Amino acid sequence: MRARQVIKGPAFRALLAGCRAVVPNAGAYPEMLGAPDQSVSFYEPNPAELAAKLGAALDAGSPPLNTSDWRRRFKAFDAISACRLIDERLEQLAATNTSARLTG
């Protein structure tokens, strides 16, 4: 996972909003989401397994999710957080450059 990737996919946004993700066990999902837990369910690409995983995710008896874990984990990759970090760094560079000119 690259240090400054921005999370764009609907599955990642859904996790941050407190939804349970049902995603294919392919692409970037396993790398980004790690081992399955109560909020992530990977499925192999076949209709029967997808239907079963969706049914389990929609089960009203499922325990509530702890979305703060996902928010902490993905904070650095969120577009708004990434923009704030970039803005802060640019302000630091500008301040350093300005003070160097004044003292030089």
Foldseek 3Di string as FASTA:
>chain_A
DDQAAADDDPQLVCLLVFAAEEEAPDDCVCVLPPDDDLRYHYFHPDDVRSVVVVVSRPDPPRDGDDSVVSCVSCVSRHPVSVVVVVVVVVVVVVVVVVVVVVVD
